[in-house]
Amino acid sequence: MAHHEHVSNTKRIWFVFGLLSVVTIIEVFLGIYKPEALHGQHVLGMNLLNWVFYILTIFKAYYIVWAFM
């Protein structure tokens, strides 16, 4: 009979939690302070701050799917 070891993913879960928390804190900070360097620049019809939010949101969604699916 084959013996299968149970591998704990606790370390990976805490790493993902920490990474996503840091990204969320960055998003909140940017949303509250709205740095003029990002808010005043326009790229492809939107200000750069919105692009940063979109990129960070896609990063978080991708990382959740990659880590847990």
PDB file of N, CA and C in Angstrom:
ATOM      1  N   MET A   1       0.824  -1.187   0.000  1.00  0.00           N
ATOM      2  CA  MET A   1       0.000   0.000   0.000  1.00  0.00           C
ATOM      3  C   MET A   1       0.869   1.252   0.000  1.00  0.00           C
ATOM      4  N   ALA A   2       0.447   2.214  -0.741  1.00  0.00           N
ATOM      5  CA  ALA A   2       1.196   3.468  -0.801  1.00  0.00           C
ATOM      6  C   ALA A   2       0.860   4.323   0.412  1.00  0.00           C
ATOM      7  N   HIS A   3       1.879   4.928   0.958  1.00  0.00           N
ATOM      8  CA  HIS A   3       1.695   5.799   2.118  1.00  0.00           C
ATOM      9  C   HIS A   3       1.780   7.246   1.656  1.00  0.00           C
ATOM     10  N   HIS A   4       0.723   8.006   1.900  1.00  0.00           N
ATOM     11  CA  HIS A   4       0.695   9.407   1.501  1.00  0.00           C
ATOM     12  C   HIS A   4       0.837  10.283   2.728  1.00  0.00           C
ATOM     13  N   GLU A   5       1.757  11.219   2.640  1.00  0.00           N
ATOM     14  CA  GLU A   5       1.945  12.163   3.741  1.00  0.00           C
ATOM     15  C   GLU A   5       1.008  13.346   3.565  1.00  0.00           C
ATOM     16  N   HIS A   6       0.478  13.809   4.663  1.00  0.00           N
ATOM     17  CA  HIS A   6      -0.336  15.024   4.632  1.00  0.00           C
ATOM     18  C   HIS A   6       0.600  16.224   4.729  1.00  0.00           C
ATOM     19  N   VAL A   7       0.543  17.083   3.733  1.00  0.00           N
ATOM     20  CA  VAL A   7       1.408  18.256   3.708  1.00  0.00           C
ATOM     21  C   VAL A   7       0.585  19.456   4.165  1.00  0.00           C
ATOM     22  N   SER A   8       1.082  20.141   5.164  1.00  0.00           N
ATOM     23  CA  SER A   8       0.385  21.309   5.682  1.00  0.00           C
ATOM     24  C   SER A   8       0.689  22.527   4.817  1.00  0.00           C
ATOM     25  N   ASN A   9      -0.347  23.263   4.490  1.00  0.00           N
ATOM     26  CA  ASN A   9      -0.191  24.475   3.693  1.00  0.00           C
ATOM     27  C   ASN A   9      -0.286  25.724   4.556  1.00  0.00           C
ATOM     28  N   THR A  10      -0.125  25.565   5.841  1.00  0.00           N
ATOM     29  CA  THR A  10      -0.263  26.695   6.759  1.00  0.00           C
ATOM     30  C   THR A  10       0.715  27.811   6.433  1.00  0.00           C
ATOM     31  N   LYS A  11       1.955  27.459   6.141  1.00  0.00           N
ATOM     32  CA  LYS A  11       2.969  28.467   5.830  1.00  0.00           C
ATOM     33  C   LYS A  11       2.584  29.244   4.572  1.00  0.00           C
ATOM     34  N   ARG A  12       2.123  28.537   3.549  1.00  0.00           N
ATOM     35  CA  ARG A  12       1.723  29.199   2.307  1.00  0.00           C
ATOM     36  C   ARG A  12       0.514  30.098   2.525  1.00  0.00           C
ATOM     37  N   ILE A  13      -0.448  29.634   3.313  1.00  0.00           N
ATOM     38  CA  ILE A  13      -1.644  30.434   3.592  1.00  0.00           C
ATOM     39  C   ILE A  13      -1.267  31.726   4.307  1.00  0.00           C
ATOM     40  N   TRP A  14      -0.388  31.652   5.298  1.00  0.00           N
ATOM     41  CA  TRP A  14       0.032  32.865   6.018  1.00  0.00           C
ATOM     42  C   TRP A  14       0.823  33.805   5.115  1.00  0.00           C
ATOM     43  N   PHE A  15       1.636  33.238   4.215  1.00  0.00           N
ATOM     44  CA  PHE A  15       2.373  34.076   3.274  1.00  0.00           C
ATOM     45  C   PHE A  15       1.412  34.829   2.348  1.00  0.00           C
ATOM     46  N   VAL A  16       0.429  34.113   1.807  1.00  0.00           N
ATOM     47  CA  VAL A  16      -0.562  34.737   0.928  1.00  0.00           C
ATOM     48  C   VAL A  16      -1.348  35.795   1.699  1.00  0.00           C
ATOM     49  N   PHE A  17      -1.739  35.486   2.923  1.00  0.00           N
ATOM     50  CA  PHE A  17      -2.454  36.451   3.761  1.00  0.00           C
ATOM     51  C   PHE A  17      -1.619  37.718   3.963  1.00  0.00           C
ATOM     52  N   GLY A  18      -0.343  37.544   4.279  1.00  0.00           N
ATOM     53  CA  GLY A  18       0.535  38.692   4.494  1.00  0.00           C
ATOM     54  C   GLY A  18       0.719  39.521   3.233  1.00  0.00           C
ATOM     55  N   LEU A  19       0.968  38.844   2.112  1.00  0.00           N
ATOM     56  CA  LEU A  19       1.168  39.551   0.850  1.00  0.00           C
ATOM     57  C   LEU A  19      -0.084  40.333   0.445  1.00  0.00           C
ATOM     58  N   LEU A  20      -1.235  39.699   0.515  1.00  0.00           N
ATOM     59  CA  LEU A  20      -2.475  40.375   0.141  1.00  0.00           C
ATOM     60  C   LEU A  20      -2.806  41.504   1.111  1.00  0.00           C
ATOM     61  N   SER A  21      -2.457  41.345   2.368  1.00  0.00           N
ATOM     62  CA  SER A  21      -2.665  42.421   3.338  1.00  0.00           C
ATOM     63  C   SER A  21      -1.803  43.630   3.015  1.00  0.00           C
ATOM     64  N   VAL A  22      -0.545  43.389   2.657  1.00  0.00           N
ATOM     65  CA  VAL A  22       0.351  44.493   2.303  1.00  0.00           C
ATOM     66  C   VAL A  22      -0.169  45.227   1.063  1.00  0.00           C
ATOM     67  N   VAL A  23      -0.592  44.484   0.056  1.00  0.00           N
ATOM     68  CA  VAL A  23      -1.119  45.109  -1.162  1.00  0.00           C
ATOM     69  C   VAL A  23      -2.377  45.917  -0.843  1.00  0.00           C
ATOM     70  N   THR A  24      -3.242  45.388   0.010  1.00  0.00           N
ATOM     71  CA  THR A  24      -4.459  46.104   0.398  1.00  0.00           C
ATOM     72  C   THR A  24      -4.127  47.372   1.177  1.00  0.00           C
ATOM     73  N   ILE A  25      -3.155  47.308   2.057  1.00  0.00           N
ATOM     74  CA  ILE A  25      -2.733  48.503   2.807  1.00  0.00           C
ATOM     75  C   ILE A  25      -2.204  49.564   1.851  1.00  0.00           C
ATOM     76  N   ILE A  26      -1.454  49.147   0.844  1.00  0.00           N
ATOM     77  CA  ILE A  26      -0.959  50.094  -0.165  1.00  0.00           C
ATOM     78  C   ILE A  26      -2.133  50.734  -0.898  1.00  0.00           C
ATOM     79  N   GLU A  27      -3.124  49.926  -1.269  1.00  0.00           N
ATOM     80  CA  GLU A  27      -4.308  50.463  -1.952  1.00  0.00           C
ATOM     81  C   GLU A  27      -5.047  51.477  -1.083  1.00  0.00           C
ATOM     82  N   VAL A  28      -5.227  51.156   0.174  1.00  0.00           N
ATOM     83  CA  VAL A  28      -5.916  52.073   1.087  1.00  0.00           C
ATOM     84  C   VAL A  28      -5.119  53.361   1.237  1.00  0.00           C
ATOM     85  N   PHE A  29      -3.815  53.252   1.423  1.00  0.00           N
ATOM     86  CA  PHE A  29      -2.961  54.430   1.543  1.00  0.00           C
ATOM     87  C   PHE A  29      -3.078  55.317   0.307  1.00  0.00           C
ATOM     88  N   LEU A  30      -2.989  54.706  -0.879  1.00  0.00           N
ATOM     89  CA  LEU A  30      -3.100  55.475  -2.117  1.00  0.00           C
ATOM     90  C   LEU A  30      -4.489  56.096  -2.273  1.00  0.00           C
ATOM     91  N   GLY A  31      -5.515  55.385  -1.840  1.00  0.00           N
ATOM     92  CA  GLY A  31      -6.873  55.912  -1.940  1.00  0.00           C
ATOM     93  C   GLY A  31      -7.122  57.077  -1.009  1.00  0.00           C
ATOM     94  N   ILE A  32      -6.493  57.065   0.150  1.00  0.00           N
ATOM     95  CA  ILE A  32      -6.683  58.157   1.115  1.00  0.00           C
ATOM     96  C   ILE A  32      -5.864  59.376   0.720  1.00  0.00           C
ATOM     97  N   TYR A  33      -4.594  59.170   0.377  1.00  0.00           N
ATOM     98  CA  TYR A  33      -3.699  60.303   0.143  1.00  0.00           C
ATOM     99  C   TYR A  33      -3.662  60.790  -1.307  1.00  0.00           C
ATOM    100  N   LYS A  34      -4.037  59.943  -2.259  1.00  0.00           N
ATOM    101  CA  LYS A  34      -4.072  60.294  -3.680  1.00  0.00           C
ATOM    102  C   LYS A  34      -2.867  61.139  -4.105  1.00  0.00           C
ATOM    103  N   PRO A  35      -1.698  60.524  -4.188  1.00  0.00           N
ATOM    104  CA  PRO A  35      -0.500  61.285  -4.562  1.00  0.00           C
ATOM    105  C   PRO A  35      -0.681  62.001  -5.903  1.00  0.00           C
ATOM    106  N   GLU A  36      -0.335  63.258  -5.917  1.00  0.00           N
ATOM    107  CA  GLU A  36      -0.525  64.073  -7.122  1.00  0.00           C
ATOM    108  C   GLU A  36       0.258  63.527  -8.312  1.00  0.00           C
ATOM    109  N   ALA A  37       1.407  62.904  -8.044  1.00  0.00           N
ATOM    110  CA  ALA A  37       2.202  62.325  -9.127  1.00  0.00           C
ATOM    111  C   ALA A  37       1.429  61.233  -9.874  1.00  0.00           C
ATOM    112  N   LEU A  38       0.551  60.534  -9.174  1.00  0.00           N
ATOM    113  CA  LEU A  38      -0.260  59.486  -9.804  1.00  0.00           C
ATOM    114  C   LEU A  38      -1.628  60.010 -10.221  1.00  0.00           C
ATOM    115  N   HIS A  39      -2.204  60.859  -9.399  1.00  0.00           N
ATOM    116  CA  HIS A  39      -3.567  61.342  -9.642  1.00  0.00           C
ATOM    117  C   HIS A  39      -3.615  62.350 -10.781  1.00  0.00           C
ATOM    118  N   GLY A  40      -2.559  63.104 -10.985  1.00  0.00           N
ATOM    119  CA  GLY A  40      -2.552  64.148 -12.004  1.00  0.00           C
ATOM    120  C   GLY A  40      -2.135  63.677 -13.388  1.00  0.00           C
ATOM    121  N   GLN A  41      -1.515  62.504 -13.473  1.00  0.00           N
ATOM    122  CA  GLN A  41      -1.040  61.979 -14.763  1.00  0.00           C
ATOM    123  C   GLN A  41      -2.147  61.178 -15.445  1.00  0.00           C
ATOM    124  N   HIS A  42      -2.317  61.385 -16.731  1.00  0.00           N
ATOM    125  CA  HIS A  42      -3.330  60.644 -17.484  1.00  0.00           C
ATOM    126  C   HIS A  42      -2.656  59.736 -18.499  1.00  0.00           C
ATOM    127  N   VAL A  43      -3.089  58.476 -18.512  1.00  0.00           N
ATOM    128  CA  VAL A  43      -2.575  57.474 -19.438  1.00  0.00           C
ATOM    129  C   VAL A  43      -3.769  56.744 -20.039  1.00  0.00           C
ATOM    130  N   LEU A  44      -3.863  56.735 -21.343  1.00  0.00           N
ATOM    131  CA  LEU A  44      -4.950  56.049 -22.052  1.00  0.00           C
ATOM    132  C   LEU A  44      -6.336  56.446 -21.528  1.00  0.00           C
ATOM    133  N   GLY A  45      -6.517  57.721 -21.284  1.00  0.00           N
ATOM    134  CA  GLY A  45      -7.823  58.241 -20.902  1.00  0.00           C
ATOM    135  C   GLY A  45      -8.177  58.141 -19.428  1.00  0.00           C
ATOM    136  N   MET A  46      -7.299  57.592 -18.617  1.00  0.00           N
ATOM    137  CA  MET A  46      -7.555  57.488 -17.173  1.00  0.00           C
ATOM    138  C   MET A  46      -6.343  57.994 -16.426  1.00  0.00           C
ATOM    139  N   ASN A  47      -6.590  58.468 -15.193  1.00  0.00           N
ATOM    140  CA  ASN A  47      -5.417  58.895 -14.430  1.00  0.00           C
ATOM    141  C   ASN A  47      -4.625  57.674 -13.974  1.00  0.00           C
ATOM    142  N   LEU A  48      -3.356  57.902 -13.755  1.00  0.00           N
ATOM    143  CA  LEU A  48      -2.429  56.819 -13.438  1.00  0.00           C
ATOM    144  C   LEU A  48      -2.808  56.110 -12.136  1.00  0.00           C
ATOM    145  N   LEU A  49      -3.392  56.828 -11.200  1.00  0.00           N
ATOM    146  CA  LEU A  49      -3.801  56.216  -9.936  1.00  0.00           C
ATOM    147  C   LEU A  49      -4.838  55.119 -10.171  1.00  0.00           C
ATOM    148  N   ASN A  50      -5.783  55.358 -11.061  1.00  0.00           N
ATOM    149  CA  ASN A  50      -6.765  54.314 -11.373  1.00  0.00           C
ATOM    150  C   ASN A  50      -6.092  53.094 -11.983  1.00  0.00           C
ATOM    151  N   TRP A  51      -5.104  53.303 -12.851  1.00  0.00           N
ATOM    152  CA  TRP A  51      -4.373  52.175 -13.425  1.00  0.00           C
ATOM    153  C   TRP A  51      -3.661  51.377 -12.348  1.00  0.00           C
ATOM    154  N   VAL A  52      -3.093  52.064 -11.380  1.00  0.00           N
ATOM    155  CA  VAL A  52      -2.417  51.375 -10.276  1.00  0.00           C
ATOM    156  C   VAL A  52      -3.418  50.515  -9.509  1.00  0.00           C
ATOM    157  N   PHE A  53      -4.614  51.064  -9.245  1.00  0.00           N
ATOM    158  CA  PHE A  53      -5.645  50.286  -8.553  1.00  0.00           C
ATOM    159  C   PHE A  53      -6.049  49.054  -9.365  1.00  0.00           C
ATOM    160  N   TYR A  54      -6.236  49.227 -10.663  1.00  0.00           N
ATOM    161  CA  TYR A  54      -6.602  48.087 -11.509  1.00  0.00           C
ATOM    162  C   TYR A  54      -5.512  47.021 -11.494  1.00  0.00           C
ATOM    163  N   ILE A  55      -4.277  47.438 -11.622  1.00  0.00           N
ATOM    164  CA  ILE A  55      -3.166  46.481 -11.647  1.00  0.00           C
ATOM    165  C   ILE A  55      -3.050  45.732 -10.319  1.00  0.00           C
ATOM    166  N   LEU A  56      -3.165  46.466  -9.205  1.00  0.00           N
ATOM    167  CA  LEU A  56      -3.087  45.804  -7.897  1.00  0.00           C
ATOM    168  C   LEU A  56      -4.261  44.849  -7.680  1.00  0.00           C
ATOM    169  N   THR A  57      -5.444  45.218  -8.140  1.00  0.00           N
ATOM    170  CA  THR A  57      -6.618  44.351  -8.006  1.00  0.00           C
ATOM    171  C   THR A  57      -6.449  43.081  -8.831  1.00  0.00           C
ATOM    172  N   ILE A  58      -5.964  43.218 -10.049  1.00  0.00           N
ATOM    173  CA  ILE A  58      -5.729  42.035 -10.891  1.00  0.00           C
ATOM    174  C   ILE A  58      -4.639  41.159 -10.278  1.00  0.00           C
ATOM    175  N   PHE A  59      -3.594  41.786  -9.724  1.00  0.00           N
ATOM    176  CA  PHE A  59      -2.542  41.024  -9.049  1.00  0.00           C
ATOM    177  C   PHE A  59      -3.125  40.199  -7.903  1.00  0.00           C
ATOM    178  N   LYS A  60      -3.971  40.833  -7.079  1.00  0.00           N
ATOM    179  CA  LYS A  60      -4.553  40.113  -5.943  1.00  0.00           C
ATOM    180  C   LYS A  60      -5.451  38.975  -6.416  1.00  0.00           C
ATOM    181  N   ALA A  61      -6.267  39.228  -7.429  1.00  0.00           N
ATOM    182  CA  ALA A  61      -7.154  38.176  -7.943  1.00  0.00           C
ATOM    183  C   ALA A  61      -6.344  37.017  -8.511  1.00  0.00           C
ATOM    184  N   TYR A  62      -5.324  37.331  -9.295  1.00  0.00           N
ATOM    185  CA  TYR A  62      -4.470  36.291  -9.861  1.00  0.00           C
ATOM    186  C   TYR A  62      -3.796  35.483  -8.754  1.00  0.00           C
ATOM    187  N   TYR A  63      -3.281  36.162  -7.741  1.00  0.00           N
ATOM    188  CA  TYR A  63      -2.557  35.478  -6.678  1.00  0.00           C
ATOM    189  C   TYR A  63      -3.477  34.568  -5.874  1.00  0.00           C
ATOM    190  N   ILE A  64      -4.709  35.008  -5.647  1.00  0.00           N
ATOM    191  CA  ILE A  64      -5.676  34.165  -4.938  1.00  0.00           C
ATOM    192  C   ILE A  64      -5.962  32.907  -5.740  1.00  0.00           C
ATOM    193  N   VAL A  65      -6.215  33.058  -7.026  1.00  0.00           N
ATOM    194  CA  VAL A  65      -6.486  31.895  -7.881  1.00  0.00           C
ATOM    195  C   VAL A  65      -5.276  30.992  -7.948  1.00  0.00           C
ATOM    196  N   TRP A  66      -4.078  31.555  -8.130  1.00  0.00           N
ATOM    197  CA  TRP A  66      -2.873  30.755  -8.237  1.00  0.00           C
ATOM    198  C   TRP A  66      -2.606  29.980  -6.943  1.00  0.00           C
ATOM    199  N   ALA A  67      -2.816  30.613  -5.812  1.00  0.00           N
ATOM    200  CA  ALA A  67      -2.465  29.996  -4.531  1.00  0.00           C
ATOM    201  C   ALA A  67      -3.478  28.948  -4.070  1.00  0.00           C
ATOM    202  N   PHE A  68      -4.746  29.159  -4.392  1.00  0.00           N
ATOM    203  CA  PHE A  68      -5.780  28.308  -3.781  1.00  0.00           C
ATOM    204  C   PHE A  68      -6.572  27.454  -4.760  1.00  0.00           C
ATOM    205  N   MET A  69      -6.364  27.610  -6.034  1.00  0.00           N
ATOM    206  CA  MET A  69      -7.131  26.791  -6.983  1.00  0.00           C
ATOM    207  C   MET A  69      -6.285  25.661  -7.517  1.00  0.00           C
TER     208      MET A  69
END
